Amino acid sequence: MRSILIKDTTREEREEIIRSSLDCGGGCENCSSCWLGGGSPWDIYQDYIDGKREIKEINEEYNARYRQSRQII
């Protein structure tokens, strides 16, 4: 498996990484994540695409906010 770290990828590769990892096969029109509070995946991962933060950091922050909003310890 190839590295997905910012230092090992170009912006175009990061866009493709996000695009391919978000492709559930059903298409966005059948997805309820955005309007149920999940937010746009493109907005969530924009810092990764721009080379500012790794996917791991973004996921950790997202999970922490999700748990806090639902009072999950």
PDB file of N, CA and C in Angstrom:
ATOM      1  N   MET A   1       0.839  -1.183   0.000  1.00  0.00           N
ATOM      2  CA  MET A   1       0.000   0.000   0.000  1.00  0.00           C
ATOM      3  C   MET A   1       0.884   1.247   0.000  1.00  0.00           C
ATOM      4  N   ARG A   2       0.503   2.195  -0.788  1.00  0.00           N
ATOM      5  CA  ARG A   2       1.252   3.425  -0.923  1.00  0.00           C
ATOM      6  C   ARG A   2       0.913   4.410   0.195  1.00  0.00           C
ATOM      7  N   SER A   3       1.868   5.211   0.590  1.00  0.00           N
ATOM      8  CA  SER A   3       1.672   6.202   1.645  1.00  0.00           C
ATOM      9  C   SER A   3       0.671   7.269   1.200  1.00  0.00           C
ATOM     10  N   ILE A   4      -0.168   7.696   2.138  1.00  0.00           N
ATOM     11  CA  ILE A   4      -1.102   8.780   1.871  1.00  0.00           C
ATOM     12  C   ILE A   4      -0.711  10.047   2.633  1.00  0.00           C
ATOM     13  N   LEU A   5       0.461  10.033   3.241  1.00  0.00           N
ATOM     14  CA  LEU A   5       0.924  11.204   3.979  1.00  0.00           C
ATOM     15  C   LEU A   5       1.142  12.380   3.038  1.00  0.00           C
ATOM     16  N   ILE A   6       0.940  13.560   3.550  1.00  0.00           N
ATOM     17  CA  ILE A   6       1.098  14.770   2.748  1.00  0.00           C
ATOM     18  C   ILE A   6       2.479  14.836   2.113  1.00  0.00           C
ATOM     19  N   LYS A   7       3.508  14.493   2.869  1.00  0.00           N
ATOM     20  CA  LYS A   7       4.876  14.595   2.351  1.00  0.00           C
ATOM     21  C   LYS A   7       5.141  13.635   1.187  1.00  0.00           C
ATOM     22  N   ASP A   8       4.300  12.629   1.042  1.00  0.00           N
ATOM     23  CA  ASP A   8       4.498  11.620  -0.002  1.00  0.00           C
ATOM     24  C   ASP A   8       3.525  11.745  -1.175  1.00  0.00           C
ATOM     25  N   THR A   9       2.696  12.791  -1.162  1.00  0.00           N
ATOM     26  CA  THR A   9       1.670  12.922  -2.194  1.00  0.00           C
ATOM     27  C   THR A   9       1.625  14.333  -2.764  1.00  0.00           C
ATOM     28  N   THR A  10       1.095  14.430  -3.957  1.00  0.00           N
ATOM     29  CA  THR A  10       0.837  15.735  -4.563  1.00  0.00           C
ATOM     30  C   THR A  10      -0.603  16.120  -4.254  1.00  0.00           C
ATOM     31  N   ARG A  11      -0.949  17.357  -4.486  1.00  0.00           N
ATOM     32  CA  ARG A  11      -2.323  17.811  -4.282  1.00  0.00           C
ATOM     33  C   ARG A  11      -3.299  16.974  -5.113  1.00  0.00           C
ATOM     34  N   GLU A  12      -2.944  16.717  -6.353  1.00  0.00           N
ATOM     35  CA  GLU A  12      -3.817  15.926  -7.227  1.00  0.00           C
ATOM     36  C   GLU A  12      -4.004  14.517  -6.677  1.00  0.00           C
ATOM     37  N   GLU A  13      -2.946  13.928  -6.144  1.00  0.00           N
ATOM     38  CA  GLU A  13      -3.059  12.586  -5.557  1.00  0.00           C
ATOM     39  C   GLU A  13      -3.942  12.617  -4.317  1.00  0.00           C
ATOM     40  N   ARG A  14      -3.818  13.672  -3.506  1.00  0.00           N
ATOM     41  CA  ARG A  14      -4.659  13.771  -2.312  1.00  0.00           C
ATOM     42  C   ARG A  14      -6.129  13.933  -2.683  1.00  0.00           C
ATOM     43  N   GLU A  15      -6.411  14.712  -3.725  1.00  0.00           N
ATOM     44  CA  GLU A  15      -7.794  14.833  -4.193  1.00  0.00           C
ATOM     45  C   GLU A  15      -8.343  13.472  -4.615  1.00  0.00           C
ATOM     46  N   GLU A  16      -7.542  12.705  -5.312  1.00  0.00           N
ATOM     47  CA  GLU A  16      -7.968  11.377  -5.749  1.00  0.00           C
ATOM     48  C   GLU A  16      -8.134  10.427  -4.568  1.00  0.00           C
ATOM     49  N   ILE A  17      -7.263  10.533  -3.579  1.00  0.00           N
ATOM     50  CA  ILE A  17      -7.377   9.697  -2.375  1.00  0.00           C
ATOM     51  C   ILE A  17      -8.724   9.956  -1.696  1.00  0.00           C
ATOM     52  N   ILE A  18      -9.068  11.219  -1.530  1.00  0.00           N
ATOM     53  CA  ILE A  18     -10.345  11.560  -0.900  1.00  0.00           C
ATOM     54  C   ILE A  18     -11.502  11.120  -1.790  1.00  0.00           C
ATOM     55  N   ARG A  19     -11.435  11.413  -3.058  1.00  0.00           N
ATOM     56  CA  ARG A  19     -12.502  11.042  -3.996  1.00  0.00           C
ATOM     57  C   ARG A  19     -12.739   9.525  -3.960  1.00  0.00           C
ATOM     58  N   SER A  20     -11.680   8.750  -4.050  1.00  0.00           N
ATOM     59  CA  SER A  20     -11.842   7.289  -4.103  1.00  0.00           C
ATOM     60  C   SER A  20     -12.268   6.712  -2.753  1.00  0.00           C
ATOM     61  N   SER A  21     -11.829   7.308  -1.657  1.00  0.00           N
ATOM     62  CA  SER A  21     -12.202   6.761  -0.350  1.00  0.00           C
ATOM     63  C   SER A  21     -13.637   7.114   0.019  1.00  0.00           C
ATOM     64  N   LEU A  22     -14.182   8.165  -0.578  1.00  0.00           N
ATOM     65  CA  LEU A  22     -15.559   8.560  -0.292  1.00  0.00           C
ATOM     66  C   LEU A  22     -16.555   7.937  -1.257  1.00  0.00           C
ATOM     67  N   ASP A  23     -16.084   7.209  -2.231  1.00  0.00           N
ATOM     68  CA  ASP A  23     -16.971   6.622  -3.221  1.00  0.00           C
ATOM     69  C   ASP A  23     -17.569   5.328  -2.691  1.00  0.00           C
ATOM     70  N   CYS A  24     -18.794   5.449  -2.183  1.00  0.00           N
ATOM     71  CA  CYS A  24     -19.470   4.262  -1.639  1.00  0.00           C
ATOM     72  C   CYS A  24     -20.225   3.520  -2.726  1.00  0.00           C
ATOM     73  N   GLY A  25     -20.254   4.097  -3.924  1.00  0.00           N
ATOM     74  CA  GLY A  25     -20.947   3.452  -5.019  1.00  0.00           C
ATOM     75  C   GLY A  25     -22.376   3.912  -5.198  1.00  0.00           C
ATOM     76  N   GLY A  26     -22.936   4.568  -4.175  1.00  0.00           N
ATOM     77  CA  GLY A  26     -24.318   5.007  -4.259  1.00  0.00           C
ATOM     78  C   GLY A  26     -24.485   6.413  -4.787  1.00  0.00           C
ATOM     79  N   GLY A  27     -23.414   7.157  -4.811  1.00  0.00           N
ATOM     80  CA  GLY A  27     -23.509   8.547  -5.253  1.00  0.00           C
ATOM     81  C   GLY A  27     -23.986   9.454  -4.138  1.00  0.00           C
ATOM     82  N   CYS A  28     -23.579  10.686  -4.206  1.00  0.00           N
ATOM     83  CA  CYS A  28     -23.910  11.652  -3.150  1.00  0.00           C
ATOM     84  C   CYS A  28     -25.411  11.874  -3.006  1.00  0.00           C
ATOM     85  N   GLU A  29     -26.158  11.757  -4.083  1.00  0.00           N
ATOM     86  CA  GLU A  29     -27.590  12.028  -4.004  1.00  0.00           C
ATOM     87  C   GLU A  29     -28.319  11.030  -3.107  1.00  0.00           C
ATOM     88  N   ASN A  30     -27.720   9.889  -2.832  1.00  0.00           N
ATOM     89  CA  ASN A  30     -28.344   8.889  -1.965  1.00  0.00           C
ATOM     90  C   ASN A  30     -27.747   8.860  -0.566  1.00  0.00           C
ATOM     91  N   CYS A  31     -26.907   9.811  -0.263  1.00  0.00           N
ATOM     92  CA  CYS A  31     -26.208   9.837   1.024  1.00  0.00           C
ATOM     93  C   CYS A  31     -26.864  10.852   1.948  1.00  0.00           C
ATOM     94  N   SER A  32     -26.958  10.538   3.221  1.00  0.00           N
ATOM     95  CA  SER A  32     -27.572  11.465   4.170  1.00  0.00           C
ATOM     96  C   SER A  32     -26.565  12.064   5.137  1.00  0.00           C
ATOM     97  N   SER A  33     -25.302  11.764   4.979  1.00  0.00           N
ATOM     98  CA  SER A  33     -24.288  12.231   5.921  1.00  0.00           C
ATOM     99  C   SER A  33     -24.239  13.742   6.034  1.00  0.00           C
ATOM    100  N   CYS A  34     -24.218  14.440   4.918  1.00  0.00           N
ATOM    101  CA  CYS A  34     -24.080  15.903   4.936  1.00  0.00           C
ATOM    102  C   CYS A  34     -25.221  16.578   5.680  1.00  0.00           C
ATOM    103  N   TRP A  35     -26.438  16.238   5.341  1.00  0.00           N
ATOM    104  CA  TRP A  35     -27.566  16.951   5.943  1.00  0.00           C
ATOM    105  C   TRP A  35     -27.953  16.423   7.320  1.00  0.00           C
ATOM    106  N   LEU A  36     -27.342  15.338   7.775  1.00  0.00           N
ATOM    107  CA  LEU A  36     -27.576  14.855   9.137  1.00  0.00           C
ATOM    108  C   LEU A  36     -26.505  15.380  10.105  1.00  0.00           C
ATOM    109  N   GLY A  37     -25.743  16.356   9.659  1.00  0.00           N
ATOM    110  CA  GLY A  37     -24.767  16.977  10.550  1.00  0.00           C
ATOM    111  C   GLY A  37     -23.347  16.535  10.328  1.00  0.00           C
ATOM    112  N   GLY A  38     -23.142  15.605   9.432  1.00  0.00           N
ATOM    113  CA  GLY A  38     -21.784  15.139   9.174  1.00  0.00           C
ATOM    114  C   GLY A  38     -20.941  16.185   8.472  1.00  0.00           C
ATOM    115  N   GLY A  39     -21.580  16.998   7.689  1.00  0.00           N
ATOM    116  CA  GLY A  39     -20.863  18.017   6.938  1.00  0.00           C
ATOM    117  C   GLY A  39     -20.390  17.481   5.610  1.00  0.00           C
ATOM    118  N   SER A  40     -20.056  18.382   4.737  1.00  0.00           N
ATOM    119  CA  SER A  40     -19.562  17.987   3.419  1.00  0.00           C
ATOM    120  C   SER A  40     -18.192  17.329   3.555  1.00  0.00           C
ATOM    121  N   PRO A  41     -18.025  16.135   3.028  1.00  0.00           N
ATOM    122  CA  PRO A  41     -16.721  15.472   3.099  1.00  0.00           C
ATOM    123  C   PRO A  41     -15.630  16.308   2.447  1.00  0.00           C
ATOM    124  N   TRP A  42     -15.976  17.033   1.388  1.00  0.00           N
ATOM    125  CA  TRP A  42     -14.972  17.866   0.724  1.00  0.00           C
ATOM    126  C   TRP A  42     -14.526  18.993   1.627  1.00  0.00           C
ATOM    127  N   ASP A  43     -15.449  19.565   2.396  1.00  0.00           N
ATOM    128  CA  ASP A  43     -15.076  20.611   3.352  1.00  0.00           C
ATOM    129  C   ASP A  43     -14.262  20.026   4.497  1.00  0.00           C
ATOM    130  N   ILE A  44     -14.669  18.872   4.989  1.00  0.00           N
ATOM    131  CA  ILE A  44     -13.978  18.238   6.108  1.00  0.00           C
ATOM    132  C   ILE A  44     -12.522  17.941   5.757  1.00  0.00           C
ATOM    133  N   TYR A  45     -12.273  17.435   4.565  1.00  0.00           N
ATOM    134  CA  TYR A  45     -10.919  17.017   4.183  1.00  0.00           C
ATOM    135  C   TYR A  45     -10.160  18.043   3.347  1.00  0.00           C
ATOM    136  N   GLN A  46     -10.667  19.268   3.260  1.00  0.00           N
ATOM    137  CA  GLN A  46      -9.990  20.291   2.466  1.00  0.00           C
ATOM    138  C   GLN A  46      -8.580  20.587   2.981  1.00  0.00           C
ATOM    139  N   ASP A  47      -8.388  20.601   4.303  1.00  0.00           N
ATOM    140  CA  ASP A  47      -7.041  20.838   4.847  1.00  0.00           C
ATOM    141  C   ASP A  47      -6.057  19.761   4.400  1.00  0.00           C
ATOM    142  N   TYR A  48      -6.519  18.533   4.291  1.00  0.00           N
ATOM    143  CA  TYR A  48      -5.646  17.464   3.790  1.00  0.00           C
ATOM    144  C   TYR A  48      -5.310  17.708   2.328  1.00  0.00           C
ATOM    145  N   ILE A  49      -6.306  17.996   1.542  1.00  0.00           N
ATOM    146  CA  ILE A  49      -6.084  18.253   0.116  1.00  0.00           C
ATOM    147  C   ILE A  49      -5.109  19.411  -0.061  1.00  0.00           C
ATOM    148  N   ASP A  50      -5.245  20.444   0.770  1.00  0.00           N
ATOM    149  CA  ASP A  50      -4.370  21.613   0.689  1.00  0.00           C
ATOM    150  C   ASP A  50      -2.994  21.384   1.301  1.00  0.00           C
ATOM    151  N   GLY A  51      -2.787  20.230   1.932  1.00  0.00           N
ATOM    152  CA  GLY A  51      -1.482  19.913   2.514  1.00  0.00           C
ATOM    153  C   GLY A  51      -1.246  20.524   3.881  1.00  0.00           C
ATOM    154  N   LYS A  52      -2.316  20.841   4.604  1.00  0.00           N
ATOM    155  CA  LYS A  52      -2.187  21.497   5.908  1.00  0.00           C
ATOM    156  C   LYS A  52      -2.243  20.520   7.086  1.00  0.00           C
ATOM    157  N   ARG A  53      -3.099  19.508   6.986  1.00  0.00           N
ATOM    158  CA  ARG A  53      -3.261  18.535   8.078  1.00  0.00           C
ATOM    159  C   ARG A  53      -3.455  17.145   7.499  1.00  0.00           C
ATOM    160  N   GLU A  54      -2.927  16.156   8.202  1.00  0.00           N
ATOM    161  CA  GLU A  54      -3.060  14.763   7.775  1.00  0.00           C
ATOM    162  C   GLU A  54      -4.483  14.256   8.017  1.00  0.00           C
ATOM    163  N   ILE A  55      -4.856  13.244   7.287  1.00  0.00           N
ATOM    164  CA  ILE A  55      -6.178  12.627   7.441  1.00  0.00           C
ATOM    165  C   ILE A  55      -6.393  12.187   8.890  1.00  0.00           C
ATOM    166  N   LYS A  56      -5.390  11.615   9.492  1.00  0.00           N
ATOM    167  CA  LYS A  56      -5.500  11.139  10.875  1.00  0.00           C
ATOM    168  C   LYS A  56      -5.903  12.276  11.815  1.00  0.00           C
ATOM    169  N   GLU A  57      -5.286  13.439  11.668  1.00  0.00           N
ATOM    170  CA  GLU A  57      -5.605  14.581  12.515  1.00  0.00           C
ATOM    171  C   GLU A  57      -7.049  15.041  12.314  1.00  0.00           C
ATOM    172  N   ILE A  58      -7.474  15.083  11.075  1.00  0.00           N
ATOM    173  CA  ILE A  58      -8.837  15.515  10.761  1.00  0.00           C
ATOM    174  C   ILE A  58      -9.842  14.531  11.338  1.00  0.00           C
ATOM    175  N   ASN A  59      -9.582  13.239  11.171  1.00  0.00           N
ATOM    176  CA  ASN A  59     -10.483  12.222  11.708  1.00  0.00           C
ATOM    177  C   ASN A  59     -10.559  12.272  13.230  1.00  0.00           C
ATOM    178  N   GLU A  60      -9.422  12.478  13.888  1.00  0.00           N
ATOM    179  CA  GLU A  60      -9.411  12.556  15.351  1.00  0.00           C
ATOM    180  C   GLU A  60     -10.240  13.742  15.837  1.00  0.00           C
ATOM    181  N   GLU A  61     -10.079  14.893  15.187  1.00  0.00           N
ATOM    182  CA  GLU A  61     -10.850  16.072  15.571  1.00  0.00           C
ATOM    183  C   GLU A  61     -12.343  15.858  15.331  1.00  0.00           C
ATOM    184  N   TYR A  62     -12.681  15.288  14.195  1.00  0.00           N
ATOM    185  CA  TYR A  62     -14.081  15.026  13.861  1.00  0.00           C
ATOM    186  C   TYR A  62     -14.706  14.076  14.886  1.00  0.00           C
ATOM    187  N   ASN A  63     -13.997  13.006  15.212  1.00  0.00           N
ATOM    188  CA  ASN A  63     -14.509  12.032  16.185  1.00  0.00           C
ATOM    189  C   ASN A  63     -14.677  12.657  17.565  1.00  0.00           C
ATOM    190  N   ALA A  64     -13.739  13.504  17.965  1.00  0.00           N
ATOM    191  CA  ALA A  64     -13.837  14.158  19.270  1.00  0.00           C
ATOM    192  C   ALA A  64     -15.065  15.068  19.323  1.00  0.00           C
ATOM    193  N   ARG A  65     -15.305  15.836  18.251  1.00  0.00           N
ATOM    194  CA  ARG A  65     -16.489  16.705  18.210  1.00  0.00           C
ATOM    195  C   ARG A  65     -17.768  15.877  18.211  1.00  0.00           C
ATOM    196  N   TYR A  66     -17.777  14.761  17.482  1.00  0.00           N
ATOM    197  CA  TYR A  66     -18.950  13.882  17.431  1.00  0.00           C
ATOM    198  C   TYR A  66     -19.260  13.323  18.814  1.00  0.00           C
ATOM    199  N   ARG A  67     -18.236  12.851  19.496  1.00  0.00           N
ATOM    200  CA  ARG A  67     -18.436  12.273  20.827  1.00  0.00           C
ATOM    201  C   ARG A  67     -18.896  13.330  21.825  1.00  0.00           C
ATOM    202  N   GLN A  68     -18.308  14.505  21.747  1.00  0.00           N
ATOM    203  CA  GLN A  68     -18.683  15.582  22.670  1.00  0.00           C
ATOM    204  C   GLN A  68     -20.135  16.001  22.446  1.00  0.00           C
ATOM    205  N   SER A  69     -20.543  16.122  21.205  1.00  0.00           N
ATOM    206  CA  SER A  69     -21.912  16.560  20.926  1.00  0.00           C
ATOM    207  C   SER A  69     -22.937  15.510  21.346  1.00  0.00           C
ATOM    208  N   ARG A  70     -22.524  14.275  21.458  1.00  0.00           N
ATOM    209  CA  ARG A  70     -23.434  13.205  21.858  1.00  0.00           C
ATOM    210  C   ARG A  70     -23.134  12.702  23.264  1.00  0.00           C
ATOM    211  N   GLN A  71     -22.228  13.404  23.936  1.00  0.00           N
ATOM    212  CA  GLN A  71     -21.824  13.094  25.303  1.00  0.00           C
ATOM    213  C   GLN A  71     -21.384  11.640  25.457  1.00  0.00           C
ATOM    214  N   ILE A  72     -20.573  11.197  24.510  1.00  0.00           N
ATOM    215  CA  ILE A  72     -20.010   9.852  24.541  1.00  0.00           C
ATOM    216  C   ILE A  72     -18.613   9.934  25.114  1.00  0.00           C
ATOM    217  N   ILE A  73     -18.329   9.138  26.094  1.00  0.00           N
ATOM    218  CA  ILE A  73     -17.007   9.149  26.728  1.00  0.00           C
ATOM    219  C   ILE A  73     -16.091   8.152  26.080  1.00  0.00           C
TER     220      ILE A  73
END
